[in-house]
Amino acid sequence: MLKPELINELQIIAFSTAATASNRVAACRSLYANGQCQDRVRTTLDMIAQSVKTPDSVRIKAIDLIDKITTDTGNADQQAVDAESVRDTLMEQYTGCQTT
């Protein structure tokens, strides 16, 4: 876990249009890894990936990170639904009552 001061530095780099696209993607990766500014990271990566000024190699890195964020979010959502389904099934089996 990073110190708040370092998180602030990463945010400055990631969300500043003055920083290079490569540095912005790297900062976004660190912010995402530390669970910071998830929505803003995704929006920033989308802008970088769609910019014609961004070098192809950096666009690819941004797109890969967007894919990772989307995949991780989808897995977490599915796990929550699965856990709720299991809980409801067990409650119904053992108490005879439906929870919904």
PDB file of N, CA and C in Angstrom:
ATOM      1  N   MET A   1       0.841  -1.177   0.000  1.00  0.00           N
ATOM      2  CA  MET A   1       0.000   0.000   0.000  1.00  0.00           C
ATOM      3  C   MET A   1       0.884   1.236   0.000  1.00  0.00           C
ATOM      4  N   LEU A   2       0.587   2.129  -0.893  1.00  0.00           N
ATOM      5  CA  LEU A   2       1.378   3.347  -1.023  1.00  0.00           C
ATOM      6  C   LEU A   2       0.917   4.419  -0.047  1.00  0.00           C
ATOM      7  N   LYS A   3       1.845   5.279   0.315  1.00  0.00           N
ATOM      8  CA  LYS A   3       1.523   6.423   1.165  1.00  0.00           C
ATOM      9  C   LYS A   3       0.626   7.379   0.382  1.00  0.00           C
ATOM     10  N   PRO A   4      -0.217   8.132   1.084  1.00  0.00           N
ATOM     11  CA  PRO A   4      -1.104   9.089   0.402  1.00  0.00           C
ATOM     12  C   PRO A   4      -0.350  10.100  -0.468  1.00  0.00           C
ATOM     13  N   GLU A   5       0.844  10.500  -0.035  1.00  0.00           N
ATOM     14  CA  GLU A   5       1.624  11.452  -0.830  1.00  0.00           C
ATOM     15  C   GLU A   5       2.011  10.851  -2.184  1.00  0.00           C
ATOM     16  N   LEU A   6       2.345   9.579  -2.178  1.00  0.00           N
ATOM     17  CA  LEU A   6       2.719   8.913  -3.429  1.00  0.00           C
ATOM     18  C   LEU A   6       1.505   8.691  -4.325  1.00  0.00           C
ATOM     19  N   ILE A   7       0.369   8.406  -3.715  1.00  0.00           N
ATOM     20  CA  ILE A   7      -0.872   8.283  -4.485  1.00  0.00           C
ATOM     21  C   ILE A   7      -1.167   9.611  -5.170  1.00  0.00           C
ATOM     22  N   ASN A   8      -0.991  10.714  -4.441  1.00  0.00           N
ATOM     23  CA  ASN A   8      -1.213  12.044  -5.020  1.00  0.00           C
ATOM     24  C   ASN A   8      -0.283  12.299  -6.195  1.00  0.00           C
ATOM     25  N   GLU A   9       0.975  11.910  -6.075  1.00  0.00           N
ATOM     26  CA  GLU A   9       1.929  12.076  -7.173  1.00  0.00           C
ATOM     27  C   GLU A   9       1.503  11.270  -8.396  1.00  0.00           C
ATOM     28  N   LEU A  10       1.057  10.042  -8.159  1.00  0.00           N
ATOM     29  CA  LEU A  10       0.584   9.214  -9.277  1.00  0.00           C
ATOM     30  C   LEU A  10      -0.632   9.832  -9.950  1.00  0.00           C
ATOM     31  N   GLN A  11      -1.533  10.403  -9.153  1.00  0.00           N
ATOM     32  CA  GLN A  11      -2.718  11.045  -9.714  1.00  0.00           C
ATOM     33  C   GLN A  11      -2.332  12.243 -10.570  1.00  0.00           C
ATOM     34  N   ILE A  12      -1.375  13.010 -10.102  1.00  0.00           N
ATOM     35  CA  ILE A  12      -0.918  14.172 -10.879  1.00  0.00           C
ATOM     36  C   ILE A  12      -0.387  13.719 -12.241  1.00  0.00           C
ATOM     37  N   ILE A  13       0.406  12.662 -12.237  1.00  0.00           N
ATOM     38  CA  ILE A  13       0.977  12.164 -13.496  1.00  0.00           C
ATOM     39  C   ILE A  13      -0.120  11.562 -14.384  1.00  0.00           C
ATOM     40  N   ALA A  14      -0.961  10.718 -13.805  1.00  0.00           N
ATOM     41  CA  ALA A  14      -1.965   9.996 -14.588  1.00  0.00           C
ATOM     42  C   ALA A  14      -2.998  10.913 -15.230  1.00  0.00           C
ATOM     43  N   PHE A  15      -3.395  11.951 -14.525  1.00  0.00           N
ATOM     44  CA  PHE A  15      -4.504  12.771 -14.997  1.00  0.00           C
ATOM     45  C   PHE A  15      -4.078  14.101 -15.607  1.00  0.00           C
ATOM     46  N   SER A  16      -2.784  14.307 -15.742  1.00  0.00           N
ATOM     47  CA  SER A  16      -2.277  15.533 -16.348  1.00  0.00           C
ATOM     48  C   SER A  16      -2.002  15.306 -17.827  1.00  0.00           C
ATOM     49  N   THR A  17      -2.542  16.173 -18.657  1.00  0.00           N
ATOM     50  CA  THR A  17      -2.290  16.037 -20.093  1.00  0.00           C
ATOM     51  C   THR A  17      -0.884  16.498 -20.460  1.00  0.00           C
ATOM     52  N   ALA A  18      -0.182  17.113 -19.506  1.00  0.00           N
ATOM     53  CA  ALA A  18       1.190  17.555 -19.765  1.00  0.00           C
ATOM     54  C   ALA A  18       2.166  16.374 -19.719  1.00  0.00           C
ATOM     55  N   ALA A  19       1.806  15.301 -19.013  1.00  0.00           N
ATOM     56  CA  ALA A  19       2.679  14.124 -18.916  1.00  0.00           C
ATOM     57  C   ALA A  19       2.596  13.328 -20.219  1.00  0.00           C
ATOM     58  N   THR A  20       3.636  12.563 -20.496  1.00  0.00           N
ATOM     59  CA  THR A  20       3.611  11.731 -21.707  1.00  0.00           C
ATOM     60  C   THR A  20       2.575  10.614 -21.536  1.00  0.00           C
ATOM     61  N   ALA A  21       2.050  10.145 -22.640  1.00  0.00           N
ATOM     62  CA  ALA A  21       1.039   9.084 -22.602  1.00  0.00           C
ATOM     63  C   ALA A  21       1.585   7.828 -21.930  1.00  0.00           C
ATOM     64  N   SER A  22       2.838   7.520 -22.188  1.00  0.00           N
ATOM     65  CA  SER A  22       3.460   6.339 -21.591  1.00  0.00           C
ATOM     66  C   SER A  22       3.498   6.447 -20.068  1.00  0.00           C
ATOM     67  N   ASN A  23       3.893   7.610 -19.571  1.00  0.00           N
ATOM     68  CA  ASN A  23       3.944   7.816 -18.126  1.00  0.00           C
ATOM     69  C   ASN A  23       2.547   7.811 -17.521  1.00  0.00           C
ATOM     70  N   ARG A  24       1.579   8.346 -18.253  1.00  0.00           N
ATOM     71  CA  ARG A  24       0.214   8.368 -17.758  1.00  0.00           C
ATOM     72  C   ARG A  24      -0.341   6.946 -17.623  1.00  0.00           C
ATOM     73  N   VAL A  25      -0.070   6.100 -18.604  1.00  0.00           N
ATOM     74  CA  VAL A  25      -0.529   4.711 -18.538  1.00  0.00           C
ATOM     75  C   VAL A  25       0.141   3.991 -17.369  1.00  0.00           C
ATOM     76  N   ALA A  26       1.425   4.206 -17.173  1.00  0.00           N
ATOM     77  CA  ALA A  26       2.135   3.574 -16.058  1.00  0.00           C
ATOM     78  C   ALA A  26       1.560   4.038 -14.718  1.00  0.00           C
ATOM     79  N   ALA A  27       1.264   5.322 -14.598  1.00  0.00           N
ATOM     80  CA  ALA A  27       0.679   5.843 -13.365  1.00  0.00           C
ATOM     81  C   ALA A  27      -0.721   5.270 -13.149  1.00  0.00           C
ATOM     82  N   CYS A  28      -1.487   5.154 -14.218  1.00  0.00           N
ATOM     83  CA  CYS A  28      -2.821   4.557 -14.122  1.00  0.00           C
ATOM     84  C   CYS A  28      -2.739   3.105 -13.653  1.00  0.00           C
ATOM     85  N   ARG A  29      -1.753   2.384 -14.166  1.00  0.00           N
ATOM     86  CA  ARG A  29      -1.554   0.987 -13.756  1.00  0.00           C
ATOM     87  C   ARG A  29      -1.293   0.911 -12.249  1.00  0.00           C
ATOM     88  N   SER A  30      -0.449   1.796 -11.737  1.00  0.00           N
ATOM     89  CA  SER A  30      -0.148   1.803 -10.301  1.00  0.00           C
ATOM     90  C   SER A  30      -1.369   2.194  -9.477  1.00  0.00           C
ATOM     91  N   LEU A  31      -2.108   3.186  -9.943  1.00  0.00           N
ATOM     92  CA  LEU A  31      -3.321   3.596  -9.225  1.00  0.00           C
ATOM     93  C   LEU A  31      -4.327   2.453  -9.184  1.00  0.00           C
ATOM     94  N   TYR A  32      -4.512   1.785 -10.320  1.00  0.00           N
ATOM     95  CA  TYR A  32      -5.444   0.663 -10.372  1.00  0.00           C
ATOM     96  C   TYR A  32      -5.004  -0.451  -9.427  1.00  0.00           C
ATOM     97  N   ALA A  33      -3.717  -0.753  -9.432  1.00  0.00           N
ATOM     98  CA  ALA A  33      -3.189  -1.813  -8.569  1.00  0.00           C
ATOM     99  C   ALA A  33      -3.398  -1.501  -7.089  1.00  0.00           C
ATOM    100  N   ASN A  34      -3.456  -0.214  -6.763  1.00  0.00           N
ATOM    101  CA  ASN A  34      -3.658   0.200  -5.379  1.00  0.00           C
ATOM    102  C   ASN A  34      -5.114   0.547  -5.076  1.00  0.00           C
ATOM    103  N   GLY A  35      -6.010   0.243  -6.005  1.00  0.00           N
ATOM    104  CA  GLY A  35      -7.434   0.449  -5.786  1.00  0.00           C
ATOM    105  C   GLY A  35      -7.858   1.906  -5.716  1.00  0.00           C
ATOM    106  N   GLN A  36      -7.167   2.768  -6.425  1.00  0.00           N
ATOM    107  CA  GLN A  36      -7.435   4.201  -6.377  1.00  0.00           C
ATOM    108  C   GLN A  36      -8.077   4.689  -7.674  1.00  0.00           C
ATOM    109  N   CYS A  37      -9.083   5.544  -7.555  1.00  0.00           N
ATOM    110  CA  CYS A  37      -9.671   6.279  -8.694  1.00  0.00           C
ATOM    111  C   CYS A  37     -10.041   5.373  -9.868  1.00  0.00           C
ATOM    112  N   GLN A  38     -10.685   4.259  -9.600  1.00  0.00           N
ATOM    113  CA  GLN A  38     -10.950   3.270 -10.636  1.00  0.00           C
ATOM    114  C   GLN A  38     -11.677   3.843 -11.861  1.00  0.00           C
ATOM    115  N   ASP A  39     -12.739   4.601 -11.638  1.00  0.00           N
ATOM    116  CA  ASP A  39     -13.500   5.155 -12.764  1.00  0.00           C
ATOM    117  C   ASP A  39     -12.682   6.171 -13.550  1.00  0.00           C
ATOM    118  N   ARG A  40     -11.969   7.013 -12.829  1.00  0.00           N
ATOM    119  CA  ARG A  40     -11.166   8.034 -13.496  1.00  0.00           C
ATOM    120  C   ARG A  40     -10.006   7.396 -14.261  1.00  0.00           C
ATOM    121  N   VAL A  41      -9.427   6.347 -13.717  1.00  0.00           N
ATOM    122  CA  VAL A  41      -8.358   5.610 -14.406  1.00  0.00           C
ATOM    123  C   VAL A  41      -8.895   5.057 -15.720  1.00  0.00           C
ATOM    124  N   ARG A  42     -10.066   4.434 -15.667  1.00  0.00           N
ATOM    125  CA  ARG A  42     -10.645   3.850 -16.890  1.00  0.00           C
ATOM    126  C   ARG A  42     -10.932   4.926 -17.932  1.00  0.00           C
ATOM    127  N   THR A  43     -11.488   6.053 -17.503  1.00  0.00           N
ATOM    128  CA  THR A  43     -11.775   7.155 -18.421  1.00  0.00           C
ATOM    129  C   THR A  43     -10.495   7.693 -19.051  1.00  0.00           C
ATOM    130  N   THR A  44      -9.468   7.855 -18.247  1.00  0.00           N
ATOM    131  CA  THR A  44      -8.177   8.353 -18.739  1.00  0.00           C
ATOM    132  C   THR A  44      -7.576   7.384 -19.748  1.00  0.00           C
ATOM    133  N   LEU A  45      -7.629   6.109 -19.435  1.00  0.00           N
ATOM    134  CA  LEU A  45      -7.092   5.103 -20.355  1.00  0.00           C
ATOM    135  C   LEU A  45      -7.869   5.084 -21.671  1.00  0.00           C
ATOM    136  N   ASP A  46      -9.178   5.248 -21.590  1.00  0.00           N
ATOM    137  CA  ASP A  46      -9.991   5.319 -22.811  1.00  0.00           C
ATOM    138  C   ASP A  46      -9.546   6.488 -23.688  1.00  0.00           C
ATOM    139  N   MET A  47      -9.342   7.647 -23.060  1.00  0.00           N
ATOM    140  CA  MET A  47      -8.917   8.827 -23.822  1.00  0.00           C
ATOM    141  C   MET A  47      -7.546   8.603 -24.458  1.00  0.00           C
ATOM    142  N   ILE A  48      -6.636   8.010 -23.715  1.00  0.00           N
ATOM    143  CA  ILE A  48      -5.294   7.747 -24.239  1.00  0.00           C
ATOM    144  C   ILE A  48      -5.365   6.753 -25.391  1.00  0.00           C
ATOM    145  N   ALA A  49      -6.148   5.701 -25.229  1.00  0.00           N
ATOM    146  CA  ALA A  49      -6.252   4.656 -26.256  1.00  0.00           C
ATOM    147  C   ALA A  49      -6.898   5.179 -27.538  1.00  0.00           C
ATOM    148  N   GLN A  50      -7.769   6.165 -27.431  1.00  0.00           N
ATOM    149  CA  GLN A  50      -8.475   6.670 -28.606  1.00  0.00           C
ATOM    150  C   GLN A  50      -7.794   7.864 -29.257  1.00  0.00           C
ATOM    151  N   SER A  51      -6.778   8.393 -28.624  1.00  0.00           N
ATOM    152  CA  SER A  51      -6.095   9.560 -29.174  1.00  0.00           C
ATOM    153  C   SER A  51      -5.196   9.150 -30.346  1.00  0.00           C
ATOM    154  N   VAL A  52      -5.311   9.877 -31.442  1.00  0.00           N
ATOM    155  CA  VAL A  52      -4.462   9.592 -32.602  1.00  0.00           C
ATOM    156  C   VAL A  52      -3.024  10.037 -32.350  1.00  0.00           C
ATOM    157  N   LYS A  53      -2.817  10.882 -31.364  1.00  0.00           N
ATOM    158  CA  LYS A  53      -1.474  11.353 -31.036  1.00  0.00           C
ATOM    159  C   LYS A  53      -0.677  10.344 -30.206  1.00  0.00           C
ATOM    160  N   THR A  54      -1.370   9.370 -29.639  1.00  0.00           N
ATOM    161  CA  THR A  54      -0.718   8.372 -28.794  1.00  0.00           C
ATOM    162  C   THR A  54      -0.001   7.343 -29.664  1.00  0.00           C
ATOM    163  N   PRO A  55       1.274   7.063 -29.368  1.00  0.00           N
ATOM    164  CA  PRO A  55       1.989   6.023 -30.126  1.00  0.00           C
ATOM    165  C   PRO A  55       1.291   4.664 -29.983  1.00  0.00           C
ATOM    166  N   ASP A  56       1.375   3.871 -31.020  1.00  0.00           N
ATOM    167  CA  ASP A  56       0.688   2.575 -31.020  1.00  0.00           C
ATOM    168  C   ASP A  56       1.075   1.695 -29.836  1.00  0.00           C
ATOM    169  N   SER A  57       2.348   1.658 -29.488  1.00  0.00           N
ATOM    170  CA  SER A  57       2.788   0.799 -28.384  1.00  0.00           C
ATOM    171  C   SER A  57       2.120   1.206 -27.066  1.00  0.00           C
ATOM    172  N   VAL A  58       1.924   2.495 -26.867  1.00  0.00           N
ATOM    173  CA  VAL A  58       1.284   2.992 -25.645  1.00  0.00           C
ATOM    174  C   VAL A  58      -0.221   2.733 -25.700  1.00  0.00           C
ATOM    175  N   ARG A  59      -0.804   2.883 -26.885  1.00  0.00           N
ATOM    176  CA  ARG A  59      -2.233   2.600 -27.042  1.00  0.00           C
ATOM    177  C   ARG A  59      -2.526   1.141 -26.705  1.00  0.00           C
ATOM    178  N   ILE A  60      -1.651   0.262 -27.130  1.00  0.00           N
ATOM    179  CA  ILE A  60      -1.821  -1.165 -26.839  1.00  0.00           C
ATOM    180  C   ILE A  60      -1.769  -1.415 -25.340  1.00  0.00           C
ATOM    181  N   LYS A  61      -0.829  -0.783 -24.648  1.00  0.00           N
ATOM    182  CA  LYS A  61      -0.736  -0.942 -23.189  1.00  0.00           C
ATOM    183  C   LYS A  61      -1.995  -0.408 -22.505  1.00  0.00           C
ATOM    184  N   ALA A  62      -2.499   0.717 -22.973  1.00  0.00           N
ATOM    185  CA  ALA A  62      -3.714   1.293 -22.392  1.00  0.00           C
ATOM    186  C   ALA A  62      -4.900   0.355 -22.614  1.00  0.00           C
ATOM    187  N   ILE A  63      -5.017  -0.190 -23.813  1.00  0.00           N
ATOM    188  CA  ILE A  63      -6.124  -1.101 -24.130  1.00  0.00           C
ATOM    189  C   ILE A  63      -6.022  -2.376 -23.298  1.00  0.00           C
ATOM    190  N   ASP A  64      -4.820  -2.903 -23.142  1.00  0.00           N
ATOM    191  CA  ASP A  64      -4.634  -4.097 -22.309  1.00  0.00           C
ATOM    192  C   ASP A  64      -5.059  -3.833 -20.867  1.00  0.00           C
ATOM    193  N   LEU A  65      -4.724  -2.668 -20.351  1.00  0.00           N
ATOM    194  CA  LEU A  65      -5.105  -2.338 -18.980  1.00  0.00           C
ATOM    195  C   LEU A  65      -6.613  -2.136 -18.867  1.00  0.00           C
ATOM    196  N   ILE A  66      -7.225  -1.527 -19.864  1.00  0.00           N
ATOM    197  CA  ILE A  66      -8.683  -1.391 -19.876  1.00  0.00           C
ATOM    198  C   ILE A  66      -9.330  -2.777 -19.835  1.00  0.00           C
ATOM    199  N   ASP A  67      -8.794  -3.703 -20.626  1.00  0.00           N
ATOM    200  CA  ASP A  67      -9.317  -5.063 -20.657  1.00  0.00           C
ATOM    201  C   ASP A  67      -9.191  -5.730 -19.293  1.00  0.00           C
ATOM    202  N   LYS A  68      -8.064  -5.536 -18.641  1.00  0.00           N
ATOM    203  CA  LYS A  68      -7.839  -6.110 -17.313  1.00  0.00           C
ATOM    204  C   LYS A  68      -8.830  -5.537 -16.309  1.00  0.00           C
ATOM    205  N   ILE A  69      -9.041  -4.233 -16.359  1.00  0.00           N
ATOM    206  CA  ILE A  69      -9.989  -3.588 -15.444  1.00  0.00           C
ATOM    207  C   ILE A  69     -11.397  -4.130 -15.683  1.00  0.00           C
ATOM    208  N   THR A  70     -11.786  -4.243 -16.937  1.00  0.00           N
ATOM    209  CA  THR A  70     -13.117  -4.737 -17.283  1.00  0.00           C
ATOM    210  C   THR A  70     -13.279  -6.184 -16.851  1.00  0.00           C
ATOM    211  N   THR A  71     -12.267  -7.000 -17.068  1.00  0.00           N
ATOM    212  CA  THR A  71     -12.313  -8.413 -16.688  1.00  0.00           C
ATOM    213  C   THR A  71     -12.389  -8.554 -15.175  1.00  0.00           C
ATOM    214  N   ASP A  72     -11.577  -7.806 -14.440  1.00  0.00           N
ATOM    215  CA  ASP A  72     -11.591  -7.875 -12.980  1.00  0.00           C
ATOM    216  C   ASP A  72     -12.933  -7.437 -12.414  1.00  0.00           C
ATOM    217  N   THR A  73     -13.492  -6.387 -12.969  1.00  0.00           N
ATOM    218  CA  THR A  73     -14.786  -5.890 -12.508  1.00  0.00           C
ATOM    219  C   THR A  73     -15.870  -6.916 -12.788  1.00  0.00           C
ATOM    220  N   GLY A  74     -15.825  -7.515 -13.967  1.00  0.00           N
ATOM    221  CA  GLY A  74     -16.814  -8.540 -14.317  1.00  0.00           C
ATOM    222  C   GLY A  74     -16.729  -9.741 -13.403  1.00  0.00           C
ATOM    223  N   ASN A  75     -15.526 -10.175 -13.076  1.00  0.00           N
ATOM    224  CA  ASN A  75     -15.345 -11.319 -12.188  1.00  0.00           C
ATOM    225  C   ASN A  75     -15.869 -11.010 -10.792  1.00  0.00           C
ATOM    226  N   ALA A  76     -15.613  -9.815 -10.286  1.00  0.00           N
ATOM    227  CA  ALA A  76     -16.079  -9.437  -8.953  1.00  0.00           C
ATOM    228  C   ALA A  76     -17.601  -9.393  -8.917  1.00  0.00           C
ATOM    229  N   ASP A  77     -18.213  -8.846  -9.968  1.00  0.00           N
ATOM    230  CA  ASP A  77     -19.674  -8.794 -10.035  1.00  0.00           C
ATOM    231  C   ASP A  77     -20.251 -10.201 -10.069  1.00  0.00           C
ATOM    232  N   GLN A  78     -19.668 -11.075 -10.859  1.00  0.00           N
ATOM    233  CA  GLN A  78     -20.167 -12.442 -10.970  1.00  0.00           C
ATOM    234  C   GLN A  78     -20.001 -13.185  -9.654  1.00  0.00           C
ATOM    235  N   GLN A  79     -18.885 -12.982  -8.957  1.00  0.00           N
ATOM    236  CA  GLN A  79     -18.664 -13.636  -7.677  1.00  0.00           C
ATOM    237  C   GLN A  79     -19.701 -13.186  -6.651  1.00  0.00           C
ATOM    238  N   ALA A  80     -20.071 -11.912  -6.670  1.00  0.00           N
ATOM    239  CA  ALA A  80     -21.086 -11.407  -5.746  1.00  0.00           C
ATOM    240  C   ALA A  80     -22.439 -12.050  -6.032  1.00  0.00           C
ATOM    241  N   VAL A  81     -22.785 -12.179  -7.310  1.00  0.00           N
ATOM    242  CA  VAL A  81     -24.053 -12.816  -7.687  1.00  0.00           C
ATOM    243  C   VAL A  81     -24.037 -14.282  -7.285  1.00  0.00           C
ATOM    244  N   ASP A  82     -22.917 -14.979  -7.528  1.00  0.00           N
ATOM    245  CA  ASP A  82     -22.802 -16.385  -7.169  1.00  0.00           C
ATOM    246  C   ASP A  82     -22.930 -16.579  -5.655  1.00  0.00           C
ATOM    247  N   ALA A  83     -22.287 -15.729  -4.881  1.00  0.00           N
ATOM    248  CA  ALA A  83     -22.345 -15.835  -3.422  1.00  0.00           C
ATOM    249  C   ALA A  83     -23.767 -15.617  -2.917  1.00  0.00           C
ATOM    250  N   GLU A  84     -24.458 -14.653  -3.499  1.00  0.00           N
ATOM    251  CA  GLU A  84     -25.841 -14.389  -3.097  1.00  0.00           C
ATOM    252  C   GLU A  84     -26.735 -15.568  -3.450  1.00  0.00           C
ATOM    253  N   SER A  85     -26.527 -16.154  -4.592  1.00  0.00           N
ATOM    254  CA  SER A  85     -27.319 -17.304  -5.023  1.00  0.00           C
ATOM    255  C   SER A  85     -27.108 -18.488  -4.084  1.00  0.00           C
ATOM    256  N   VAL A  86     -25.861 -18.744  -3.717  1.00  0.00           N
ATOM    257  CA  VAL A  86     -25.553 -19.843  -2.802  1.00  0.00           C
ATOM    258  C   VAL A  86     -26.194 -19.589  -1.440  1.00  0.00           C
ATOM    259  N   ARG A  87     -26.096 -18.354  -0.959  1.00  0.00           N
ATOM    260  CA  ARG A  87     -26.682 -17.994   0.335  1.00  0.00           C
ATOM    261  C   ARG A  87     -28.192 -18.231   0.314  1.00  0.00           C
ATOM    262  N   ASP A  88     -28.857 -17.776  -0.746  1.00  0.00           N
ATOM    263  CA  ASP A  88     -30.304 -17.943  -0.849  1.00  0.00           C
ATOM    264  C   ASP A  88     -30.695 -19.420  -0.888  1.00  0.00           C
ATOM    265  N   THR A  89     -29.947 -20.206  -1.642  1.00  0.00           N
ATOM    266  CA  THR A  89     -30.225 -21.642  -1.747  1.00  0.00           C
ATOM    267  C   THR A  89     -30.069 -22.330  -0.400  1.00  0.00           C
ATOM    268  N   LEU A  90     -28.991 -22.007   0.309  1.00  0.00           N
ATOM    269  CA  LEU A  90     -28.763 -22.627   1.617  1.00  0.00           C
ATOM    270  C   LEU A  90     -29.831 -22.217   2.625  1.00  0.00           C
ATOM    271  N   MET A  91     -30.216 -20.951   2.620  1.00  0.00           N
ATOM    272  CA  MET A  91     -31.259 -20.491   3.541  1.00  0.00           C
ATOM    273  C   MET A  91     -32.567 -21.226   3.271  1.00  0.00           C
ATOM    274  N   GLU A  92     -32.886 -21.403   1.994  1.00  0.00           N
ATOM    275  CA  GLU A  92     -34.115 -22.088   1.635  1.00  0.00           C
ATOM    276  C   GLU A  92     -34.072 -23.556   2.050  1.00  0.00           C
ATOM    277  N   GLN A  93     -32.920 -24.210   1.850  1.00  0.00           N
ATOM    278  CA  GLN A  93     -32.784 -25.622   2.186  1.00  0.00           C
ATOM    279  C   GLN A  93     -32.867 -25.855   3.689  1.00  0.00           C
ATOM    280  N   TYR A  94     -32.218 -25.011   4.471  1.00  0.00           N
ATOM    281  CA  TYR A  94     -32.112 -25.275   5.892  1.00  0.00           C
ATOM    282  C   TYR A  94     -33.216 -24.643   6.737  1.00  0.00           C
ATOM    283  N   THR A  95     -33.849 -23.613   6.250  1.00  0.00           N
ATOM    284  CA  THR A  95     -34.913 -22.985   7.043  1.00  0.00           C
ATOM    285  C   THR A  95     -36.286 -23.149   6.408  1.00  0.00           C
ATOM    286  N   GLY A  96     -36.290 -23.516   5.143  1.00  0.00           N
ATOM    287  CA  GLY A  96     -37.554 -23.653   4.450  1.00  0.00           C
ATOM    288  C   GLY A  96     -38.163 -22.330   4.039  1.00  0.00           C
ATOM    289  N   CYS A  97     -37.396 -21.246   4.215  1.00  0.00           N
ATOM    290  CA  CYS A  97     -37.881 -19.907   3.869  1.00  0.00           C
ATOM    291  C   CYS A  97     -37.088 -19.347   2.704  1.00  0.00           C
ATOM    292  N   GLN A  98     -37.812 -18.713   1.815  1.00  0.00           N
ATOM    293  CA  GLN A  98     -37.130 -18.022   0.726  1.00  0.00           C
ATOM    294  C   GLN A  98     -36.719 -16.633   1.217  1.00  0.00           C
ATOM    295  N   THR A  99     -35.529 -16.181   0.802  1.00  0.00           N
ATOM    296  CA  THR A  99     -35.030 -14.879   1.257  1.00  0.00           C
ATOM    297  C   THR A  99     -35.452 -13.753   0.340  1.00  0.00           C
ATOM    298  N   THR A 100     -35.933 -14.053  -0.848  1.00  0.00           N
ATOM    299  CA  THR A 100     -36.342 -12.978  -1.764  1.00  0.00           C
ATOM    300  C   THR A 100     -37.799 -13.048  -2.069  1.00  0.00           C
TER     301      THR A 100
END
